[in-house]
Amino acid sequence: MTFSKGLKSNDVLGTANRGNPAESGLCTLCRADCQGRCETFMSCMKGRKMLYPRDFGAVTAGSDNITHVGVSYNSLRIQGYNYGAYGLSKGLSNQADDCIFPNVNIEVEFGNEVKTKSRLPILSGALGSTFVAAKYWESFAVGAALVGYPIVVGENVVGVDKQSIIKNGKIEVSPELDRRVDTYLRYHDGYGAIIVQMNVEDTRNGVADYVINKYGDKAIIELKWGQGAKDIGGEIQVTDLEYAIFLKNRGYIVDPDPTLPEVQQAFKSGAIRSFARHSRLGYTDLSNYDQVRESFMTAIEELRSKGYKRITLKTGSYGMEALAMAIKFATDAKLDLLTIDGSGGGTGMSPWNMMETWGVPSILLHAKSYEYASILAQKGQKVVDLAFGGGIAREDQMFKALALGAPFAKMICMGRATMIPGFLGANIEGVLKPERKAALSGNWNELAKSVAEIGTKPEEIFAGYYDVQKKVGASEMKNIPFGAIAIWTLCDKLAAGLQQLLAGARRFNISEISRFDLTSGNRETERETGIPFITEVQDEAAKRLLNS
């Protein structure tokens, strides 16, 4: 879609947004019960067919995306070249038969001493205590494991679990956290990873001890500084008074306070119908850079002493000092990955006007990340591997973000885009297996028109069905949720699209991607990103050629 024009439909692809489109192409409000048909929704079924215009053979198509207004990823353009081939895998030559886009290697790895491999350069957003994450976790986790990319168990999973047992302030049993980790590990084949995130409450509850004692080096631990959606702690909303009181007693901030008699009376009368559970801000007892650094380094040392070999950090869209601190601290501490999440991404519940108005937009944050990482690299330091997140959903956006941050950016953090196939698959499976609809959190009573026009059986609906069957075997398919098949299908489309863009840039290994593969569509974007304006890229080389 053409974000700069704010269009809600794309006639070429036959897609449409139910609500207002964001820069990613997703609706600003993405519903689990949606019946389609945005580009990501349709890609979960049609896969790589969604890379091309519809009704091939009866149409011609031409782009209308030639006007770039403002500074966004839409205002960067991808540069193509008419000669050369870089990064070909061993055994391949630079002849035309080998220089084809399916030969582009998009496998990546990140990490300091211990490398984590991924079959494509994405990891999930943090899927924590939100009920959406819990309901559709099986699809999210199985899909990520089958594809082979990391998935993040977000904050507060232990704290909100009624079945978890916390004694003397430390976790002893956590059925929900176990379910999250075990579901992913069931199909993990060496690619990807399970990452468990900790905030203030998780740290107090001893989540790090629990995870290392139970799962050892199978799990990565992640410290959380923030996210792109909001500049306060994580939140969920609950509609049960007793549960709200339980969360209050667990030590959370619950708003309004469910223990107050007047609030309970308002709830019983229907004037108050829900409660917001909030987490705490970190580093509130610190007032300067040196104190924050000392506290952070101490926390990393403690995690390493517990046995953690892989540690990551996630930070939000704070200002430039906080960004520089995150990159420098993560580099000095030899962390394995730093995820930098720009405004206004998000997967859970956030105050809406806060999401709309706070923080640094993704492209600006990512451009400064490259600048700051370069300063450390010029001093001879081995800069921590970076992941960029915040409103990225398509393969062209992946290419742009990786190129903008090259060579430091290794991964793209995708939140809502990798959740949509989980919703869609559960809705389809709930219709085709009505006896399991409730367990699946399916929302449909019949197949949506956008699905039924493709097929009525999973083998017909999902282009990736038989690819998954080849991987797990025909007998195992009964245990694979449709949401996981949808994730596979979407990722196949993203992978093929990324391979095509890389081949056009003559990069046959994703490690070859660089900032030279981008141009700016307007002067403002050039100024903010450091990426030259379109007609200035290679202009000197062109004039030397003409005068030769």
Protein backbone atom coordinates (compact mmCIF):
# COMPACT_ATOMS: atom_id res chain seq x y z
CA MET A 1 0.00 0.00 0.00
CA THR A 2 1.04 3.63 -0.42
CA PHE A 3 1.27 4.96 3.12
CA SER A 4 2.04 8.51 2.04
CA LYS A 5 -1.44 8.76 0.49
CA GLY A 6 -3.21 7.00 3.35
CA LEU A 7 -5.04 4.58 1.04
CA LYS A 8 -7.13 1.86 2.65
CA SER A 9 -7.13 -0.42 -0.38
CA ASN A 10 -4.70 -1.70 -2.97
CA ASP A 11 -6.42 -2.59 -6.22
CA VAL A 12 -3.28 -4.22 -7.64
CA LEU A 13 -3.05 -6.80 -4.85
CA GLY A 14 -6.78 -6.97 -4.20
CA THR A 15 -6.29 -6.04 -0.55
CA ALA A 16 -8.10 -3.64 1.77
CA ASN A 17 -7.78 -2.44 5.33
CA ARG A 18 -10.74 -2.66 7.68
CA GLY A 19 -9.49 0.32 9.70
CA ASN A 20 -7.02 3.16 9.32
CA PRO A 21 -3.73 1.95 7.83
CA ALA A 22 -0.44 2.49 9.65
CA GLU A 23 2.96 2.82 7.96
CA SER A 24 3.39 -0.96 8.21
CA GLY A 25 0.28 -1.53 6.08
CA LEU A 26 -1.56 -3.02 9.07
CA CYS A 27 -4.63 -1.36 10.52
CA THR A 28 -3.87 0.77 13.55
CA LEU A 29 -6.34 -1.46 15.43
CA CYS A 30 -5.78 -5.09 14.43
CA ARG A 31 -8.64 -7.34 15.56
CA ALA A 32 -8.33 -11.05 16.32
CA ASP A 33 -11.78 -11.60 14.78
CA CYS A 34 -11.03 -9.65 11.57
CA GLN A 35 -12.31 -11.27 8.38
CA GLY A 36 -9.69 -9.69 6.12
CA ARG A 37 -8.31 -8.50 3.84
CA CYS A 38 -5.11 -6.55 4.36
CA GLU A 39 -1.89 -7.62 2.64
CA THR A 40 -0.54 -9.46 5.68
CA PHE A 41 -3.88 -11.25 6.23
CA MET A 42 -4.01 -12.50 2.65
CA SER A 43 -0.30 -13.42 2.66
CA CYS A 44 -0.98 -15.85 5.53
CA MET A 45 -2.94 -17.97 3.05
CA LYS A 46 -1.67 -17.14 -0.42
CA GLY A 47 1.99 -16.82 0.54
CA ARG A 48 4.38 -15.64 -2.14
CA LYS A 49 1.58 -15.21 -4.67
CA MET A 50 0.91 -11.94 -2.84
CA LEU A 51 4.20 -10.59 -4.17
CA TYR A 52 2.54 -10.09 -7.58
CA PRO A 53 -0.46 -8.22 -9.04
CA ARG A 54 -3.73 -10.12 -9.09
CA ASP A 55 -5.45 -11.48 -12.20
CA PHE A 56 -2.20 -12.02 -14.07
CA GLY A 57 -2.73 -12.38 -17.80
CA ALA A 58 -5.73 -10.06 -17.87
CA VAL A 59 -4.17 -6.92 -16.43
CA THR A 60 -1.28 -4.52 -16.59
CA ALA A 61 -0.12 -2.72 -13.45
CA GLY A 62 1.93 0.37 -12.71
CA SER A 63 3.06 1.89 -9.44
CA ASP A 64 1.53 5.10 -8.13
CA ASN A 65 4.01 5.29 -5.25
CA ILE A 66 6.21 7.99 -6.75
CA THR A 67 5.57 10.83 -4.30
CA HIS A 68 7.38 10.74 -0.98
CA VAL A 69 6.16 13.12 1.71
CA GLY A 70 7.80 13.50 5.10
CA VAL A 71 10.28 11.18 6.80
CA SER A 72 9.29 7.53 7.07
CA TYR A 73 10.46 4.18 5.76
CA ASN A 74 8.13 4.84 2.82
CA SER A 75 10.42 7.73 1.87
CA LEU A 76 13.42 5.45 1.39
CA ARG A 77 13.78 3.70 -1.96
CA ILE A 78 15.68 0.49 -2.69
CA GLN A 79 18.58 0.78 -5.12
CA GLY A 80 19.04 -1.79 -7.87
CA TYR A 81 22.15 -2.43 -9.96
CA ASN A 82 22.66 -3.70 -13.50
CA TYR A 83 25.86 -5.66 -12.95
CA GLY A 84 27.77 -7.62 -10.34
CA ALA A 85 27.08 -10.45 -7.90
CA TYR A 86 28.25 -10.35 -4.27
CA GLY A 87 28.13 -12.94 -1.53
CA LEU A 88 27.40 -16.04 -3.58
CA SER A 89 27.45 -19.23 -1.53
CA LYS A 90 30.30 -21.68 -1.90
CA GLY A 91 29.91 -23.76 -5.03
CA LEU A 92 28.03 -21.08 -6.94
CA SER A 93 29.55 -19.04 -9.76
CA ASN A 94 28.73 -15.55 -11.02
CA GLN A 95 27.07 -17.02 -14.09
CA ALA A 96 23.43 -16.29 -14.81
CA ASP A 97 22.29 -19.81 -13.94
CA ASP A 98 23.55 -19.38 -10.38
CA CYS A 99 22.67 -15.71 -9.87
CA ILE A 100 18.97 -16.29 -9.27
CA PHE A 101 16.94 -15.01 -6.36
CA PRO A 102 16.21 -18.46 -4.81
CA ASN A 103 19.97 -18.74 -4.27
CA VAL A 104 20.05 -15.64 -2.08
CA ASN A 105 21.03 -16.71 1.44
CA ILE A 106 18.88 -14.93 4.03
CA GLU A 107 19.97 -17.01 7.01
CA VAL A 108 21.44 -14.86 9.77
CA GLU A 109 23.07 -15.26 13.12
CA PHE A 110 23.53 -12.95 16.08
CA GLY A 111 25.40 -13.12 19.34
CA ASN A 112 28.72 -12.39 20.95
CA GLU A 113 30.43 -15.68 21.84
CA VAL A 114 27.49 -18.06 21.37
CA LYS A 115 25.79 -17.56 18.03
CA THR A 116 22.03 -17.94 17.55
CA LYS A 117 20.94 -18.86 14.03
CA SER A 118 17.73 -17.84 12.32
CA ARG A 119 16.43 -18.93 8.91
CA LEU A 120 15.30 -15.41 8.15
CA PRO A 121 16.13 -12.13 9.85
CA ILE A 122 13.11 -11.73 12.12
CA LEU A 123 12.24 -12.29 15.75
CA SER A 124 8.85 -11.87 17.35
CA GLY A 125 7.86 -8.91 19.42
CA ALA A 126 7.62 -9.54 23.15
CA LEU A 127 4.46 -11.58 23.73
CA GLY A 128 3.91 -11.29 27.44
CA SER A 129 1.01 -11.17 29.87
CA THR A 130 -1.58 -9.91 27.38
CA PHE A 131 -4.48 -12.32 26.96
CA VAL A 132 -4.01 -12.24 23.20
CA ALA A 133 -0.51 -13.68 23.64
CA ALA A 134 -1.78 -16.39 25.98
CA LYS A 135 -4.75 -17.38 23.80
CA TYR A 136 -2.80 -17.80 20.59
CA TRP A 137 0.58 -18.83 21.99
CA GLU A 138 0.51 -22.34 20.51
CA SER A 139 0.20 -20.93 16.99
CA PHE A 140 2.82 -18.26 17.60
CA ALA A 141 5.36 -20.61 19.18
CA VAL A 142 4.91 -23.63 16.92
CA GLY A 143 4.98 -21.40 13.84
CA ALA A 144 8.17 -19.65 14.95
CA ALA A 145 9.85 -22.96 15.82
CA LEU A 146 8.92 -24.56 12.48
CA VAL A 147 10.11 -21.56 10.48
CA GLY A 148 13.19 -21.20 12.65
CA TYR A 149 13.14 -17.69 14.11
CA PRO A 150 13.37 -16.52 17.76
CA ILE A 151 10.25 -15.82 19.78
CA VAL A 152 10.14 -13.64 22.90
CA VAL A 153 8.15 -14.50 26.01
CA GLY A 154 7.36 -11.01 27.23
CA GLU A 155 7.15 -9.54 30.71
CA ASN A 156 4.86 -10.45 33.61
CA VAL A 157 3.84 -13.94 32.45
CA VAL A 158 4.64 -15.34 35.90
CA GLY A 159 3.02 -12.56 37.87
CA VAL A 160 -0.40 -12.70 36.21
CA ASP A 161 -0.63 -16.50 36.28
CA LYS A 162 -3.08 -17.54 39.00
CA GLN A 163 -1.50 -21.00 39.07
CA SER A 164 2.05 -19.80 39.65
CA ILE A 165 3.44 -20.23 43.14
CA ILE A 166 5.60 -17.48 44.58
CA LYS A 167 7.00 -17.99 48.07
CA ASN A 168 9.17 -15.55 49.97
CA GLY A 169 9.10 -13.34 46.88
CA LYS A 170 10.53 -16.02 44.57
CA ILE A 171 8.83 -18.16 41.96
CA GLU A 172 8.61 -21.89 42.61
CA VAL A 173 6.06 -22.99 40.02
CA SER A 174 4.87 -21.28 36.83
CA PRO A 175 2.65 -23.44 34.61
CA GLU A 176 2.06 -20.66 32.06
CA LEU A 177 5.75 -19.82 31.63
CA ASP A 178 6.48 -23.56 31.31
CA ARG A 179 3.78 -23.86 28.65
CA ARG A 180 5.25 -20.97 26.69
CA VAL A 181 8.79 -22.37 26.69
CA ASP A 182 7.89 -26.05 26.24
CA THR A 183 5.57 -25.35 23.30
CA TYR A 184 8.38 -23.67 21.38
CA LEU A 185 11.03 -26.25 22.27
CA ARG A 186 8.77 -29.07 21.06
CA TYR A 187 9.56 -28.19 17.43
CA HIS A 188 12.82 -26.27 17.83
CA ASP A 189 15.42 -27.69 15.44
CA GLY A 190 18.48 -25.55 16.14
CA TYR A 191 17.31 -22.42 14.35
CA GLY A 192 15.72 -19.65 16.36
CA ALA A 193 15.53 -19.45 20.15
CA ILE A 194 13.20 -18.92 23.06
CA ILE A 195 13.88 -15.59 24.77
CA VAL A 196 12.41 -14.86 28.20
CA GLN A 197 12.06 -11.18 29.05
CA MET A 198 12.26 -9.65 32.52
CA ASN A 199 11.00 -6.34 33.87
CA VAL A 200 11.13 -5.00 37.44
CA GLU A 201 8.50 -7.41 38.79
CA ASP A 202 10.00 -10.41 37.00
CA THR A 203 13.40 -9.62 38.43
CA ARG A 204 11.95 -9.42 41.93
CA ASN A 205 10.10 -12.70 41.42
CA GLY A 206 13.29 -14.53 40.51
CA VAL A 207 12.33 -15.41 36.93
CA ALA A 208 16.01 -15.61 35.92
CA ASP A 209 16.72 -18.29 38.56
CA TYR A 210 13.63 -20.27 37.61
CA VAL A 211 14.43 -20.27 33.88
CA ILE A 212 18.12 -21.17 34.20
CA ASN A 213 17.41 -23.94 36.72
CA LYS A 214 14.71 -25.50 34.57
CA TYR A 215 15.91 -24.85 31.01
CA GLY A 216 19.62 -24.11 31.24
CA ASP A 217 21.16 -22.77 28.05
CA LYS A 218 18.05 -23.60 26.00
CA ALA A 219 16.68 -20.16 26.86
CA ILE A 220 18.00 -16.64 26.37
CA ILE A 221 17.29 -14.07 29.09
CA GLU A 222 16.37 -10.51 28.14
CA LEU A 223 16.40 -7.36 30.25
CA LYS A 224 13.75 -4.83 29.35
CA TRP A 225 14.23 -1.07 29.40
CA GLY A 226 11.14 -0.23 27.41
CA GLN A 227 9.20 -0.48 24.17
CA GLY A 228 8.03 1.71 21.33
CA ALA A 229 4.38 1.70 22.33
CA LYS A 230 4.62 3.60 25.61
CA ASP A 231 7.05 5.08 28.11
CA ILE A 232 5.64 3.37 31.20
CA GLY A 233 5.59 -0.27 32.25
CA GLY A 234 3.60 -3.06 30.66
CA GLU A 235 -0.15 -3.15 31.02
CA ILE A 236 -3.10 -5.46 30.69
CA GLN A 237 -6.80 -4.94 31.28
CA VAL A 238 -8.92 -7.32 33.36
CA THR A 239 -12.70 -7.44 33.75
CA ASP A 240 -12.93 -9.63 36.87
CA LEU A 241 -12.91 -7.95 40.29
CA GLU A 242 -11.43 -10.92 42.11
CA TYR A 243 -8.65 -11.21 39.55
CA ALA A 244 -7.93 -7.50 39.86
CA ILE A 245 -7.61 -7.92 43.64
CA PHE A 246 -5.34 -10.93 43.09
CA LEU A 247 -3.04 -8.82 40.88
CA LYS A 248 -3.05 -6.03 43.45
CA ASN A 249 -2.01 -8.53 46.11
CA ARG A 250 0.70 -9.83 43.79
CA GLY A 251 2.26 -6.40 44.05
CA TYR A 252 1.11 -4.80 40.80
CA ILE A 253 -0.30 -1.33 40.31
CA VAL A 254 -4.01 -1.78 39.52
CA ASP A 255 -6.07 1.20 38.37
CA PRO A 256 -8.58 1.97 39.73
CA ASP A 257 -7.66 0.34 43.05
CA PRO A 258 -9.94 -2.75 43.33
CA THR A 259 -9.52 -2.93 47.11
CA LEU A 260 -11.31 0.39 47.70
CA PRO A 261 -14.97 -0.02 48.76
CA GLU A 262 -16.18 2.79 46.48
CA VAL A 263 -14.44 1.20 43.48
CA GLN A 264 -15.98 -2.19 44.27
CA GLN A 265 -19.41 -0.56 44.52
CA ALA A 266 -18.89 1.19 41.17
CA PHE A 267 -17.87 -2.13 39.62
CA LYS A 268 -20.94 -3.92 40.96
CA SER A 269 -23.19 -1.16 39.62
CA GLY A 270 -21.57 -1.34 36.19
CA ALA A 271 -20.01 2.12 36.22
CA ILE A 272 -16.53 0.55 36.28
CA ARG A 273 -16.18 -2.50 34.08
CA SER A 274 -12.44 -3.13 33.87
CA PHE A 275 -9.15 -2.59 35.67
CA ALA A 276 -5.74 -1.75 34.19
CA ARG A 277 -2.75 -3.58 35.64
CA HIS A 278 0.52 -1.66 35.35
CA SER A 279 4.17 -2.52 35.87
CA ARG A 280 6.79 -0.30 37.46
CA LEU A 281 9.37 1.96 35.93
CA GLY A 282 12.99 0.91 36.28
CA TYR A 283 15.97 2.86 37.62
CA THR A 284 13.79 5.24 39.62
CA ASP A 285 16.36 5.36 42.44
CA LEU A 286 19.16 6.46 40.09
CA SER A 287 19.89 9.99 38.95
CA ASN A 288 22.89 9.94 36.61
CA TYR A 289 24.68 8.05 33.88
CA ASP A 290 27.33 6.48 36.12
CA GLN A 291 24.75 5.05 38.50
CA VAL A 292 22.70 3.55 35.67
CA ARG A 293 25.82 2.02 34.12
CA GLU A 294 26.95 0.48 37.42
CA SER A 295 23.49 -0.94 38.10
CA PHE A 296 23.23 -2.37 34.59
CA MET A 297 26.67 -3.98 34.61
CA THR A 298 25.99 -5.48 38.04
CA ALA A 299 22.75 -7.00 36.74
CA ILE A 300 24.58 -8.54 33.77
CA GLU A 301 27.30 -9.97 36.01
CA GLU A 302 24.65 -11.54 38.24
CA LEU A 303 22.95 -13.16 35.26
CA ARG A 304 26.25 -14.55 34.00
CA SER A 305 27.04 -15.91 37.47
CA LYS A 306 23.75 -17.81 37.35
CA GLY A 307 24.91 -19.53 34.16
CA TYR A 308 23.41 -17.46 31.35
CA LYS A 309 25.56 -17.59 28.23
CA ARG A 310 23.20 -15.49 26.09
CA ILE A 311 21.74 -12.21 27.33
CA THR A 312 19.85 -9.60 25.34
CA LEU A 313 18.40 -6.14 26.00
CA LYS A 314 15.31 -4.41 24.67
CA THR A 315 14.97 -0.65 24.76
CA GLY A 316 12.21 1.71 23.70
CA SER A 317 11.96 4.95 21.79
CA TYR A 318 13.44 7.21 24.44
CA GLY A 319 15.68 10.15 23.56
CA MET A 320 19.19 10.18 22.19
CA GLU A 321 21.00 9.82 25.51
CA ALA A 322 19.07 6.67 26.39
CA LEU A 323 19.71 5.26 22.91
CA ALA A 324 23.45 5.89 23.24
CA MET A 325 23.43 4.33 26.71
CA ALA A 326 21.72 1.19 25.43
CA ILE A 327 24.18 0.73 22.56
CA LYS A 328 27.24 1.46 24.68
CA PHE A 329 26.20 -0.57 27.72
CA ALA A 330 25.18 -3.55 25.57
CA THR A 331 28.48 -3.33 23.70
CA ASP A 332 30.58 -2.99 26.85
CA ALA A 333 28.72 -5.88 28.50
CA LYS A 334 29.20 -8.06 25.39
CA LEU A 335 25.48 -8.75 25.09
CA ASP A 336 24.16 -10.92 22.29
CA LEU A 337 21.47 -8.61 20.88
CA LEU A 338 20.00 -5.18 21.46
CA THR A 339 16.44 -4.66 20.20
CA ILE A 340 15.63 -1.01 19.49
CA ASP A 341 11.88 -0.48 19.24
CA GLY A 342 10.65 2.75 17.68
CA SER A 343 7.36 4.62 18.08
CA GLY A 344 4.64 3.74 17.59
CA GLY A 345 4.89 -0.02 17.46
CA GLY A 346 3.21 -2.28 19.97
CA THR A 347 1.42 -5.58 20.44
CA GLY A 348 -0.53 -5.13 23.67
CA MET A 349 -2.46 -2.52 25.58
CA SER A 350 -1.09 1.02 25.72
CA PRO A 351 -2.64 4.41 26.46
CA TRP A 352 -3.67 5.44 22.94
CA ASN A 353 -2.73 9.11 23.01
CA MET A 354 0.59 8.19 24.57
CA MET A 355 1.22 5.78 21.71
CA GLU A 356 0.30 8.50 19.22
CA THR A 357 2.45 11.27 20.66
CA TRP A 358 5.42 10.01 22.67
CA GLY A 359 8.89 8.90 21.64
CA VAL A 360 11.08 8.79 18.57
CA PRO A 361 9.58 7.42 15.32
CA SER A 362 11.23 4.23 14.09
CA ILE A 363 13.16 5.53 11.09
CA LEU A 364 14.70 8.39 13.10
CA LEU A 365 15.61 6.13 16.00
CA HIS A 366 17.13 3.54 13.68
CA ALA A 367 19.11 6.13 11.73
CA LYS A 368 20.64 7.48 14.95
CA SER A 369 21.35 3.92 16.08
CA TYR A 370 23.57 3.47 13.05
CA GLU A 371 25.31 6.76 13.74
CA TYR A 372 26.00 5.93 17.38
CA ALA A 373 27.09 2.36 16.63
CA SER A 374 29.50 3.73 14.03
CA ILE A 375 31.13 5.95 16.65
CA LEU A 376 31.91 2.90 18.80
CA ALA A 377 33.09 0.90 15.79
CA GLN A 378 35.47 3.68 14.77
CA LYS A 379 37.00 3.41 18.25
CA GLY A 380 37.73 -0.25 17.55
CA GLN A 381 34.90 -1.73 19.61
CA LYS A 382 32.91 -4.80 18.58
CA VAL A 383 29.42 -3.30 18.54
CA VAL A 384 26.54 -5.38 19.86
CA ASP A 385 24.30 -6.89 17.18
CA LEU A 386 21.14 -4.83 16.70
CA ALA A 387 17.51 -5.65 15.98
CA PHE A 388 15.20 -2.91 14.70
CA GLY A 389 11.48 -2.89 15.47
CA GLY A 390 8.47 -0.60 15.32
CA GLY A 391 5.89 -0.81 12.52
CA ILE A 392 7.68 -3.23 10.18
CA ALA A 393 5.51 -5.83 8.46
CA ARG A 394 6.61 -6.32 4.82
CA GLU A 395 9.71 -7.57 3.06
CA ASP A 396 10.54 -4.16 1.56
CA GLN A 397 10.42 -2.60 5.02
CA MET A 398 12.67 -5.37 6.30
CA PHE A 399 15.19 -4.66 3.55
CA LYS A 400 15.16 -0.93 4.24
CA ALA A 401 15.63 -1.29 8.00
CA LEU A 402 18.45 -3.82 7.64
CA ALA A 403 20.21 -1.68 5.04
CA LEU A 404 19.74 1.51 7.07
CA GLY A 405 21.41 -0.14 10.06
CA ALA A 406 24.03 -2.17 8.19
CA PRO A 407 26.38 -3.69 9.18
CA PHE A 408 25.14 -3.55 12.77
CA ALA A 409 21.46 -4.46 12.25
CA LYS A 410 21.05 -8.22 12.01
CA MET A 411 17.37 -8.78 12.83
CA ILE A 412 13.94 -7.22 12.43
CA CYS A 413 11.58 -7.33 15.42
CA MET A 414 8.04 -8.02 14.15
CA GLY A 415 5.16 -7.77 16.56
CA ARG A 416 1.66 -7.55 15.10
CA ALA A 417 2.61 -8.87 11.66
CA THR A 418 3.57 -12.27 13.06
CA MET A 419 0.47 -12.37 15.27
CA ILE A 420 -2.09 -11.94 12.48
CA PRO A 421 -1.54 -15.47 11.09
CA GLY A 422 -2.16 -16.86 14.57
CA PHE A 423 -5.53 -15.12 14.74
CA LEU A 424 -6.47 -16.11 11.20
CA GLY A 425 -5.46 -19.75 11.62
CA ALA A 426 -7.39 -20.11 14.87
CA ASN A 427 -10.51 -18.60 13.29
CA ILE A 428 -10.31 -20.98 10.31
CA GLU A 429 -9.57 -24.03 12.46
CA GLY A 430 -12.43 -23.12 14.80
CA VAL A 431 -14.86 -23.24 11.87
CA LEU A 432 -13.50 -26.47 10.41
CA LYS A 433 -13.20 -28.10 13.86
CA PRO A 434 -16.17 -26.60 15.77
CA GLU A 435 -15.64 -28.92 18.73
CA ARG A 436 -12.32 -27.10 19.35
CA LYS A 437 -13.49 -23.56 18.64
CA ALA A 438 -13.48 -22.44 22.27
CA ALA A 439 -10.09 -24.00 23.03
CA LEU A 440 -8.63 -22.36 19.93
CA SER A 441 -10.17 -18.94 20.76
CA GLY A 442 -11.76 -19.00 17.33
CA ASN A 443 -14.03 -16.06 16.56
CA TRP A 444 -15.88 -17.17 13.42
CA ASN A 445 -19.00 -19.28 12.92
CA GLU A 446 -18.31 -19.67 9.21
CA LEU A 447 -15.39 -19.04 6.90
CA ALA A 448 -14.94 -15.41 5.94
CA LYS A 449 -15.56 -14.61 2.29
CA SER A 450 -11.87 -13.72 1.88
CA VAL A 451 -11.01 -17.28 2.97
CA ALA A 452 -13.84 -19.23 1.32
CA GLU A 453 -12.94 -17.81 -2.09
CA ILE A 454 -9.56 -19.54 -1.73
CA GLY A 455 -10.77 -22.89 -0.38
CA THR A 456 -12.68 -24.76 2.31
CA LYS A 457 -9.98 -27.20 3.49
CA PRO A 458 -6.59 -26.35 5.01
CA GLU A 459 -4.82 -28.02 2.09
CA GLU A 460 -6.60 -25.58 -0.23
CA ILE A 461 -6.43 -22.49 1.95
CA PHE A 462 -2.75 -22.42 2.93
CA ALA A 463 -0.12 -22.32 0.21
CA GLY A 464 2.42 -23.56 2.77
CA TYR A 465 0.41 -26.58 3.98
CA TYR A 466 2.43 -29.24 2.20
CA ASP A 467 5.73 -27.52 3.02
CA VAL A 468 4.88 -27.89 6.71
CA GLN A 469 3.78 -31.47 6.13
CA LYS A 470 7.11 -32.24 4.46
CA LYS A 471 8.91 -30.89 7.53
CA VAL A 472 6.91 -32.62 10.27
CA GLY A 473 5.46 -35.63 8.47
CA ALA A 474 1.86 -36.40 7.49
CA SER A 475 1.03 -38.09 10.79
CA GLU A 476 2.18 -35.06 12.82
CA MET A 477 0.03 -32.56 10.92
CA LYS A 478 -2.91 -33.25 13.22
CA ASN A 479 -0.90 -31.61 16.02
CA ILE A 480 0.09 -28.50 14.06
CA PRO A 481 -2.29 -25.56 14.66
CA PHE A 482 -3.55 -23.82 11.54
CA GLY A 483 -2.12 -20.59 12.94
CA ALA A 484 1.37 -22.09 12.73
CA ILE A 485 0.76 -23.11 9.11
CA ALA A 486 -0.36 -19.53 8.42
CA ILE A 487 2.85 -18.22 10.02
CA TRP A 488 4.90 -20.52 7.80
CA THR A 489 2.99 -19.29 4.74
CA LEU A 490 3.45 -15.63 5.62
CA CYS A 491 7.16 -16.12 6.33
CA ASP A 492 7.60 -17.88 2.99
CA LYS A 493 6.23 -14.78 1.29
CA LEU A 494 8.46 -12.47 3.33
CA ALA A 495 11.50 -14.65 2.62
CA ALA A 496 10.88 -14.83 -1.14
CA GLY A 497 10.22 -11.09 -1.35
CA LEU A 498 13.39 -10.31 0.59
CA GLN A 499 15.39 -12.66 -1.65
CA GLN A 500 14.07 -10.87 -4.74
CA LEU A 501 14.97 -7.43 -3.41
CA LEU A 502 18.45 -8.61 -2.42
CA ALA A 503 19.01 -10.22 -5.82
CA GLY A 504 18.05 -6.97 -7.51
CA ALA A 505 20.65 -5.21 -5.39
CA ARG A 506 23.12 -7.96 -6.43
CA ARG A 507 23.44 -9.15 -2.82
CA PHE A 508 23.33 -12.94 -2.76
CA ASN A 509 23.94 -13.13 0.96
CA ILE A 510 22.06 -10.93 3.39
CA SER A 511 25.33 -10.16 5.14
CA GLU A 512 26.27 -8.10 2.06
CA ILE A 513 23.41 -5.62 2.48
CA SER A 514 24.57 -2.04 2.98
CA ARG A 515 23.41 1.56 3.15
CA PHE A 516 24.51 1.93 -0.49
CA ASP A 517 21.43 -0.12 -1.34
CA LEU A 518 19.12 2.74 -0.32
CA THR A 519 18.32 6.20 -1.63
CA SER A 520 16.21 8.97 -0.08
CA GLY A 521 13.01 10.04 -1.80
CA ASN A 522 13.18 13.59 -0.49
CA ARG A 523 15.73 15.99 0.97
CA GLU A 524 14.29 15.84 4.47
CA THR A 525 14.78 12.09 4.60
CA GLU A 526 18.31 12.54 3.27
CA ARG A 527 19.09 15.00 6.06
CA GLU A 528 17.67 12.82 8.84
CA THR A 529 19.02 9.44 7.74
CA GLY A 530 22.29 10.29 5.99
CA ILE A 531 21.09 8.34 2.95
CA PRO A 532 21.76 10.45 -0.20
CA PHE A 533 18.95 11.75 -2.39
CA ILE A 534 18.03 9.52 -5.36
CA THR A 535 19.75 11.45 -8.15
CA GLU A 536 22.92 12.04 -6.14
CA VAL A 537 23.64 8.35 -5.63
CA GLN A 538 26.33 7.34 -8.16
CA ASP A 539 26.02 10.73 -9.88
CA GLU A 540 29.76 11.31 -9.78
CA ALA A 541 30.42 7.84 -11.21
CA ALA A 542 27.91 8.54 -13.96
CA LYS A 543 29.64 11.79 -14.93
CA ARG A 544 33.08 10.13 -14.91
CA LEU A 545 31.68 7.50 -17.25
CA LEU A 546 30.26 10.11 -19.61
CA ASN A 547 33.52 12.06 -19.67
CA SER A 548 35.75 9.02 -20.12
